[in-house]
């Protein structure tokens, strides 16, 4: 089981920005899909940034244009970041970093899963609270 640790959660006012970080035990350039999920009060967990092995990021409509996910492979282990701008009260949630090991097939590395149940490695979460 790989280790993931999120940081950067805080309480901010609507319109503000936050940057979340996730440090991992994943060795640099090992084939993992990395993602940010969130779970708001009374809501199901949803993906807010899914980052393919090549660095391409996918976002839901609710955060596209406001959130940017990125990863860093320059150190010995991989790190993941989530830049969140123009925050809204509905962004209030616990944010989780997740990783899923990719598989090599006839078409190269597999694509990232879309369901949280397909990610086998999770951090403990960091709270983001946005007040109006």
N, C-alpha and C. Protein backbone atom coordinates (compact mmCIF):
# COMPACT_ATOMS: atom_id res chain seq x y z
N UNK A 1 0.84 -1.19 0.00
CA UNK A 1 0.00 0.00 0.00
C UNK A 1 0.88 1.24 0.00
N UNK A 2 0.65 2.11 -0.98
CA UNK A 2 1.43 3.33 -1.05
C UNK A 2 0.89 4.35 -0.05
N UNK A 3 1.78 5.28 0.33
CA UNK A 3 1.41 6.31 1.29
C UNK A 3 1.15 7.63 0.57
N UNK A 4 0.04 8.26 0.88
CA UNK A 4 -0.30 9.57 0.34
C UNK A 4 -0.68 10.48 1.49
N UNK A 5 -0.21 11.71 1.46
CA UNK A 5 -0.48 12.64 2.54
C UNK A 5 -0.81 14.02 1.97
N UNK A 6 -2.05 14.46 2.22
CA UNK A 6 -2.49 15.76 1.75
C UNK A 6 -2.17 16.86 2.76
N UNK A 7 -2.03 18.07 2.25
CA UNK A 7 -1.88 19.24 3.11
C UNK A 7 -2.40 20.47 2.37
N UNK A 8 -2.62 21.54 3.10
CA UNK A 8 -3.01 22.79 2.48
C UNK A 8 -4.46 23.18 2.67
N UNK A 9 -5.26 22.30 3.25
CA UNK A 9 -6.65 22.65 3.49
C UNK A 9 -6.77 23.78 4.49
N UNK A 10 -7.81 24.60 4.33
CA UNK A 10 -7.98 25.75 5.21
C UNK A 10 -9.40 26.28 5.05
N UNK A 11 -9.71 27.28 5.85
CA UNK A 11 -10.97 28.01 5.72
C UNK A 11 -10.69 29.32 4.98
N UNK A 12 -11.46 29.57 3.92
CA UNK A 12 -11.26 30.78 3.13
C UNK A 12 -12.62 31.38 2.79
N UNK A 13 -12.59 32.62 2.35
CA UNK A 13 -13.82 33.28 1.92
C UNK A 13 -14.05 32.99 0.44
N UNK A 14 -15.31 33.06 0.05
CA UNK A 14 -15.67 32.86 -1.35
C UNK A 14 -14.86 33.82 -2.23
N UNK A 15 -14.42 33.30 -3.36
CA UNK A 15 -13.59 34.09 -4.27
C UNK A 15 -12.11 33.91 -4.03
N UNK A 16 -11.75 33.30 -2.92
CA UNK A 16 -10.35 33.11 -2.59
C UNK A 16 -9.74 31.92 -3.29
N UNK A 17 -8.47 31.67 -2.98
CA UNK A 17 -7.71 30.59 -3.61
C UNK A 17 -7.02 29.75 -2.55
N UNK A 18 -6.78 28.50 -2.91
CA UNK A 18 -6.00 27.59 -2.07
C UNK A 18 -5.20 26.68 -2.98
N UNK A 19 -4.09 26.21 -2.46
CA UNK A 19 -3.31 25.20 -3.18
C UNK A 19 -3.10 24.01 -2.25
N UNK A 20 -3.63 22.87 -2.69
CA UNK A 20 -3.46 21.64 -1.94
C UNK A 20 -2.25 20.89 -2.48
N UNK A 21 -1.58 20.19 -1.57
CA UNK A 21 -0.42 19.37 -1.95
C UNK A 21 -0.64 17.95 -1.47
N UNK A 22 -0.05 17.03 -2.18
CA UNK A 22 -0.09 15.62 -1.79
C UNK A 22 1.28 15.02 -2.02
N UNK A 23 1.92 14.63 -0.95
CA UNK A 23 3.19 13.92 -1.08
C UNK A 23 2.91 12.42 -1.03
N UNK A 24 3.69 11.68 -1.78
CA UNK A 24 3.42 10.25 -1.90
C UNK A 24 4.70 9.44 -1.75
N UNK A 25 4.51 8.13 -1.62
CA UNK A 25 5.65 7.21 -1.62
C UNK A 25 5.87 6.62 -3.01
N UNK A 26 5.14 7.11 -4.01
CA UNK A 26 5.26 6.60 -5.37
C UNK A 26 6.58 7.05 -5.98
N UNK A 27 7.37 6.11 -6.42
CA UNK A 27 8.65 6.47 -7.02
C UNK A 27 8.44 7.25 -8.31
N UNK A 28 9.38 8.15 -8.57
CA UNK A 28 9.31 8.99 -9.76
C UNK A 28 9.14 8.14 -11.01
N UNK A 29 8.23 8.56 -11.87
CA UNK A 29 7.97 7.95 -13.17
C UNK A 29 7.36 6.56 -13.11
N UNK A 30 6.96 6.08 -11.93
CA UNK A 30 6.22 4.82 -11.90
C UNK A 30 4.82 5.10 -12.43
N UNK A 31 4.25 4.13 -13.13
CA UNK A 31 3.00 4.36 -13.87
C UNK A 31 1.75 4.36 -13.00
N UNK A 32 1.45 5.51 -12.46
CA UNK A 32 0.24 5.66 -11.67
C UNK A 32 -0.63 6.78 -12.23
N UNK A 33 -1.91 6.58 -12.17
CA UNK A 33 -2.87 7.66 -12.38
C UNK A 33 -3.04 8.33 -11.02
N UNK A 34 -3.04 9.66 -11.02
CA UNK A 34 -3.22 10.36 -9.77
C UNK A 34 -4.42 11.29 -9.89
N UNK A 35 -5.11 11.48 -8.79
CA UNK A 35 -6.35 12.24 -8.86
C UNK A 35 -6.65 12.92 -7.54
N UNK A 36 -7.49 13.93 -7.63
CA UNK A 36 -8.08 14.58 -6.47
C UNK A 36 -9.58 14.30 -6.48
N UNK A 37 -10.06 13.87 -5.34
CA UNK A 37 -11.49 13.69 -5.12
C UNK A 37 -11.91 14.59 -3.96
N UNK A 38 -13.19 14.79 -3.84
CA UNK A 38 -13.71 15.53 -2.69
C UNK A 38 -15.05 14.94 -2.26
N UNK A 39 -15.34 15.13 -0.99
CA UNK A 39 -16.63 14.70 -0.46
C UNK A 39 -17.16 15.80 0.44
N UNK A 40 -18.22 16.44 -0.03
CA UNK A 40 -18.87 17.49 0.75
C UNK A 40 -19.86 16.90 1.72
N UNK A 41 -20.33 17.70 2.68
CA UNK A 41 -21.29 17.20 3.68
C UNK A 41 -22.57 16.72 3.00
N UNK A 42 -22.92 15.47 3.27
CA UNK A 42 -24.12 14.90 2.71
C UNK A 42 -24.05 14.55 1.24
N UNK A 43 -22.85 14.60 0.68
CA UNK A 43 -22.68 14.33 -0.76
C UNK A 43 -21.82 13.10 -1.00
N UNK A 44 -21.94 12.57 -2.21
CA UNK A 44 -21.07 11.46 -2.60
C UNK A 44 -19.69 12.00 -2.97
N UNK A 45 -18.70 11.15 -2.89
CA UNK A 45 -17.36 11.54 -3.27
C UNK A 45 -17.30 11.72 -4.79
N UNK A 46 -16.67 12.80 -5.25
CA UNK A 46 -16.58 13.06 -6.68
C UNK A 46 -15.15 13.43 -7.05
N UNK A 47 -14.77 13.06 -8.25
CA UNK A 47 -13.45 13.42 -8.75
C UNK A 47 -13.45 14.86 -9.22
N UNK A 48 -12.43 15.63 -8.84
CA UNK A 48 -12.34 17.00 -9.30
C UNK A 48 -11.13 17.23 -10.21
N UNK A 49 -10.19 16.32 -10.22
CA UNK A 49 -9.07 16.41 -11.15
C UNK A 49 -8.47 15.02 -11.27
N UNK A 50 -8.50 14.48 -12.48
CA UNK A 50 -7.89 13.17 -12.74
C UNK A 50 -6.75 13.41 -13.71
N UNK A 51 -5.56 12.99 -13.31
CA UNK A 51 -4.37 13.32 -14.08
C UNK A 51 -3.76 12.06 -14.67
N UNK A 52 -3.79 11.99 -16.00
CA UNK A 52 -3.25 10.84 -16.71
C UNK A 52 -1.73 10.75 -16.54
N UNK A 53 -1.18 9.62 -16.92
CA UNK A 53 0.25 9.39 -16.79
C UNK A 53 1.06 10.43 -17.58
N UNK A 54 0.49 10.90 -18.70
CA UNK A 54 1.20 11.89 -19.51
C UNK A 54 0.99 13.32 -19.01
N UNK A 55 0.27 13.48 -17.89
CA UNK A 55 0.07 14.81 -17.32
C UNK A 55 -1.22 15.47 -17.72
N UNK A 56 -1.94 14.92 -18.70
CA UNK A 56 -3.22 15.48 -19.10
C UNK A 56 -4.21 15.38 -17.95
N UNK A 57 -4.91 16.49 -17.68
CA UNK A 57 -5.86 16.51 -16.57
C UNK A 57 -7.29 16.62 -17.08
N UNK A 58 -8.18 15.96 -16.38
CA UNK A 58 -9.60 15.96 -16.72
C UNK A 58 -10.37 16.51 -15.54
N UNK A 59 -11.34 17.39 -15.81
CA UNK A 59 -12.10 18.04 -14.76
C UNK A 59 -13.59 17.93 -15.03
N UNK A 60 -14.40 17.88 -13.97
CA UNK A 60 -15.85 17.96 -14.17
C UNK A 60 -16.24 19.41 -14.43
N UNK A 61 -17.43 19.60 -14.94
CA UNK A 61 -17.90 20.96 -15.25
C UNK A 61 -17.91 21.86 -14.02
N UNK A 62 -18.13 21.27 -12.85
CA UNK A 62 -18.29 22.08 -11.63
C UNK A 62 -17.01 22.83 -11.25
N UNK A 63 -15.85 22.36 -11.72
CA UNK A 63 -14.60 23.02 -11.33
C UNK A 63 -13.75 23.44 -12.52
N UNK A 64 -14.15 23.04 -13.72
CA UNK A 64 -13.32 23.35 -14.89
C UNK A 64 -13.15 24.86 -15.03
N UNK A 65 -11.93 25.29 -15.26
CA UNK A 65 -11.63 26.71 -15.38
C UNK A 65 -11.26 27.35 -14.06
N UNK A 66 -11.54 26.69 -12.95
CA UNK A 66 -11.20 27.21 -11.62
C UNK A 66 -10.13 26.37 -10.93
N UNK A 67 -10.14 25.06 -11.16
CA UNK A 67 -9.20 24.16 -10.52
C UNK A 67 -8.17 23.68 -11.54
N UNK A 68 -6.94 23.53 -11.09
CA UNK A 68 -5.88 22.98 -11.93
C UNK A 68 -5.10 21.94 -11.15
N UNK A 69 -5.12 20.73 -11.66
CA UNK A 69 -4.35 19.66 -11.05
C UNK A 69 -3.03 19.48 -11.78
N UNK A 70 -1.98 19.18 -11.03
CA UNK A 70 -0.68 18.97 -11.66
C UNK A 70 0.12 18.00 -10.81
N UNK A 71 1.14 17.43 -11.42
CA UNK A 71 2.01 16.53 -10.68
C UNK A 71 3.46 16.88 -10.92
N UNK A 72 4.29 16.48 -9.99
CA UNK A 72 5.71 16.79 -10.04
C UNK A 72 6.49 15.49 -9.99
N UNK A 73 7.26 15.25 -11.05
CA UNK A 73 8.09 14.05 -11.12
C UNK A 73 9.58 14.39 -11.00
N UNK A 74 9.89 15.60 -10.53
CA UNK A 74 11.30 16.00 -10.51
C UNK A 74 12.05 15.47 -9.29
N UNK A 75 11.33 15.08 -8.27
CA UNK A 75 11.99 14.53 -7.07
C UNK A 75 11.95 13.01 -7.13
N UNK A 76 12.48 12.37 -6.12
CA UNK A 76 12.55 10.90 -6.14
C UNK A 76 11.18 10.26 -5.99
N UNK A 77 10.23 10.97 -5.41
CA UNK A 77 8.85 10.47 -5.31
C UNK A 77 7.90 11.50 -5.91
N UNK A 78 6.76 11.03 -6.34
CA UNK A 78 5.80 11.88 -7.03
C UNK A 78 4.99 12.73 -6.04
N UNK A 79 4.69 13.93 -6.47
CA UNK A 79 3.81 14.81 -5.70
C UNK A 79 2.67 15.27 -6.60
N UNK A 80 1.59 15.61 -5.97
CA UNK A 80 0.39 16.04 -6.69
C UNK A 80 -0.08 17.35 -6.08
N UNK A 81 -0.61 18.23 -6.94
CA UNK A 81 -1.07 19.53 -6.47
C UNK A 81 -2.46 19.83 -7.04
N UNK A 82 -3.19 20.65 -6.32
CA UNK A 82 -4.47 21.14 -6.81
C UNK A 82 -4.57 22.62 -6.50
N UNK A 83 -4.49 23.44 -7.55
CA UNK A 83 -4.66 24.87 -7.41
C UNK A 83 -6.14 25.18 -7.57
N UNK A 84 -6.72 25.79 -6.56
CA UNK A 84 -8.15 26.09 -6.58
C UNK A 84 -8.35 27.59 -6.51
N UNK A 85 -8.97 28.14 -7.54
CA UNK A 85 -9.22 29.58 -7.61
C UNK A 85 -10.73 29.84 -7.61
N UNK A 86 -11.07 31.08 -7.33
CA UNK A 86 -12.47 31.51 -7.33
C UNK A 86 -13.34 30.50 -6.57
N UNK A 87 -12.94 30.22 -5.36
CA UNK A 87 -13.64 29.20 -4.57
C UNK A 87 -15.05 29.65 -4.23
N UNK A 88 -15.93 28.66 -4.18
CA UNK A 88 -17.35 28.89 -3.88
C UNK A 88 -17.73 28.10 -2.63
N UNK A 89 -18.78 28.51 -1.93
CA UNK A 89 -19.19 27.74 -0.75
C UNK A 89 -19.46 26.27 -1.07
N UNK A 90 -19.93 25.97 -2.26
CA UNK A 90 -20.20 24.58 -2.64
C UNK A 90 -18.94 23.77 -2.85
N UNK A 91 -17.78 24.42 -2.81
CA UNK A 91 -16.52 23.69 -2.88
C UNK A 91 -16.11 23.15 -1.50
N UNK A 92 -16.86 23.50 -0.48
CA UNK A 92 -16.56 23.01 0.86
C UNK A 92 -16.64 21.49 0.89
N UNK A 93 -15.56 20.85 1.32
CA UNK A 93 -15.48 19.40 1.29
C UNK A 93 -14.16 18.95 1.93
N UNK A 94 -14.08 17.67 2.17
CA UNK A 94 -12.79 17.05 2.45
C UNK A 94 -12.20 16.61 1.12
N UNK A 95 -10.98 17.03 0.87
CA UNK A 95 -10.32 16.73 -0.39
C UNK A 95 -9.30 15.61 -0.18
N UNK A 96 -9.36 14.64 -1.09
CA UNK A 96 -8.51 13.46 -1.00
C UNK A 96 -7.62 13.34 -2.23
N UNK A 97 -6.42 12.91 -1.98
CA UNK A 97 -5.49 12.54 -3.04
C UNK A 97 -5.60 11.03 -3.23
N UNK A 98 -5.58 10.56 -4.47
CA UNK A 98 -5.71 9.13 -4.74
C UNK A 98 -4.78 8.73 -5.88
N UNK A 99 -4.42 7.45 -5.89
CA UNK A 99 -3.55 6.94 -6.95
C UNK A 99 -4.01 5.55 -7.35
N UNK A 100 -3.93 5.27 -8.64
CA UNK A 100 -4.29 3.96 -9.19
C UNK A 100 -3.18 3.49 -10.11
N UNK A 101 -2.73 2.27 -9.90
CA UNK A 101 -1.64 1.75 -10.72
C UNK A 101 -2.15 1.45 -12.12
N UNK A 102 -1.39 1.89 -13.11
CA UNK A 102 -1.77 1.67 -14.49
C UNK A 102 -1.22 0.33 -14.99
N UNK A 103 -1.81 -0.16 -16.07
CA UNK A 103 -1.39 -1.43 -16.65
C UNK A 103 -0.95 -1.21 -18.10
N UNK A 104 0.06 -1.99 -18.51
CA UNK A 104 0.55 -1.87 -19.87
C UNK A 104 -0.20 -2.85 -20.76
N UNK A 105 -0.73 -2.35 -21.86
CA UNK A 105 -1.45 -3.21 -22.79
C UNK A 105 -1.02 -2.96 -24.22
N UNK A 106 -1.79 -3.52 -25.15
CA UNK A 106 -1.46 -3.39 -26.57
C UNK A 106 -1.43 -1.93 -27.02
N UNK A 107 -2.21 -1.09 -26.36
CA UNK A 107 -2.29 0.33 -26.74
C UNK A 107 -1.46 1.22 -25.82
N UNK A 108 -0.53 0.62 -25.07
CA UNK A 108 0.29 1.40 -24.15
C UNK A 108 -0.29 1.38 -22.75
N UNK A 109 0.02 2.39 -21.95
CA UNK A 109 -0.50 2.46 -20.60
C UNK A 109 -2.00 2.66 -20.62
N UNK A 110 -2.67 2.00 -19.68
CA UNK A 110 -4.12 2.15 -19.58
C UNK A 110 -4.48 3.58 -19.20
N UNK A 111 -5.71 3.94 -19.49
CA UNK A 111 -6.20 5.27 -19.11
C UNK A 111 -6.61 5.25 -17.64
N UNK A 112 -6.68 6.45 -17.08
CA UNK A 112 -7.07 6.57 -15.68
C UNK A 112 -8.50 6.06 -15.47
N UNK A 113 -8.75 5.42 -14.36
CA UNK A 113 -10.13 5.08 -14.03
C UNK A 113 -10.91 6.35 -13.72
N UNK A 114 -12.22 6.24 -13.76
CA UNK A 114 -13.06 7.40 -13.49
C UNK A 114 -13.79 7.26 -12.16
N UNK A 115 -13.89 6.03 -11.67
CA UNK A 115 -14.62 5.80 -10.43
C UNK A 115 -13.67 5.74 -9.25
N UNK A 116 -14.11 6.31 -8.11
CA UNK A 116 -13.24 6.30 -6.94
C UNK A 116 -12.95 4.88 -6.47
N UNK A 117 -13.84 3.96 -6.71
CA UNK A 117 -13.65 2.58 -6.26
C UNK A 117 -12.50 1.89 -7.00
N UNK A 118 -12.06 2.47 -8.11
CA UNK A 118 -10.96 1.89 -8.88
C UNK A 118 -9.60 2.43 -8.47
N UNK A 119 -9.57 3.35 -7.51
CA UNK A 119 -8.31 3.86 -6.98
C UNK A 119 -7.99 3.09 -5.70
N UNK A 120 -6.81 2.49 -5.64
CA UNK A 120 -6.50 1.63 -4.51
C UNK A 120 -5.69 2.31 -3.40
N UNK A 121 -5.20 3.51 -3.68
CA UNK A 121 -4.39 4.22 -2.69
C UNK A 121 -5.01 5.58 -2.40
N UNK A 122 -5.15 5.90 -1.11
CA UNK A 122 -5.82 7.13 -0.70
C UNK A 122 -5.07 7.80 0.45
N UNK A 123 -5.15 9.12 0.46
CA UNK A 123 -4.69 9.87 1.62
C UNK A 123 -5.81 9.97 2.64
N UNK A 124 -5.51 10.65 3.73
CA UNK A 124 -6.49 10.75 4.81
C UNK A 124 -7.44 11.92 4.63
N UNK A 125 -7.12 12.82 3.69
CA UNK A 125 -8.00 13.95 3.40
C UNK A 125 -7.59 15.22 4.10
N UNK A 126 -7.96 16.35 3.50
CA UNK A 126 -7.71 17.65 4.10
C UNK A 126 -8.97 18.50 3.90
N UNK A 127 -9.36 19.21 4.95
CA UNK A 127 -10.63 19.95 4.94
C UNK A 127 -10.47 21.31 4.27
N UNK A 128 -11.38 21.60 3.36
CA UNK A 128 -11.47 22.92 2.74
C UNK A 128 -12.86 23.47 3.05
N UNK A 129 -12.91 24.63 3.67
CA UNK A 129 -14.18 25.26 4.01
C UNK A 129 -14.21 26.64 3.37
N UNK A 130 -15.25 26.90 2.59
CA UNK A 130 -15.40 28.18 1.90
C UNK A 130 -16.65 28.87 2.44
N UNK A 131 -16.47 30.05 3.00
CA UNK A 131 -17.58 30.78 3.57
C UNK A 131 -18.01 31.90 2.63
N UNK A 132 -19.30 32.19 2.67
CA UNK A 132 -19.85 33.22 1.77
C UNK A 132 -19.73 34.61 2.38
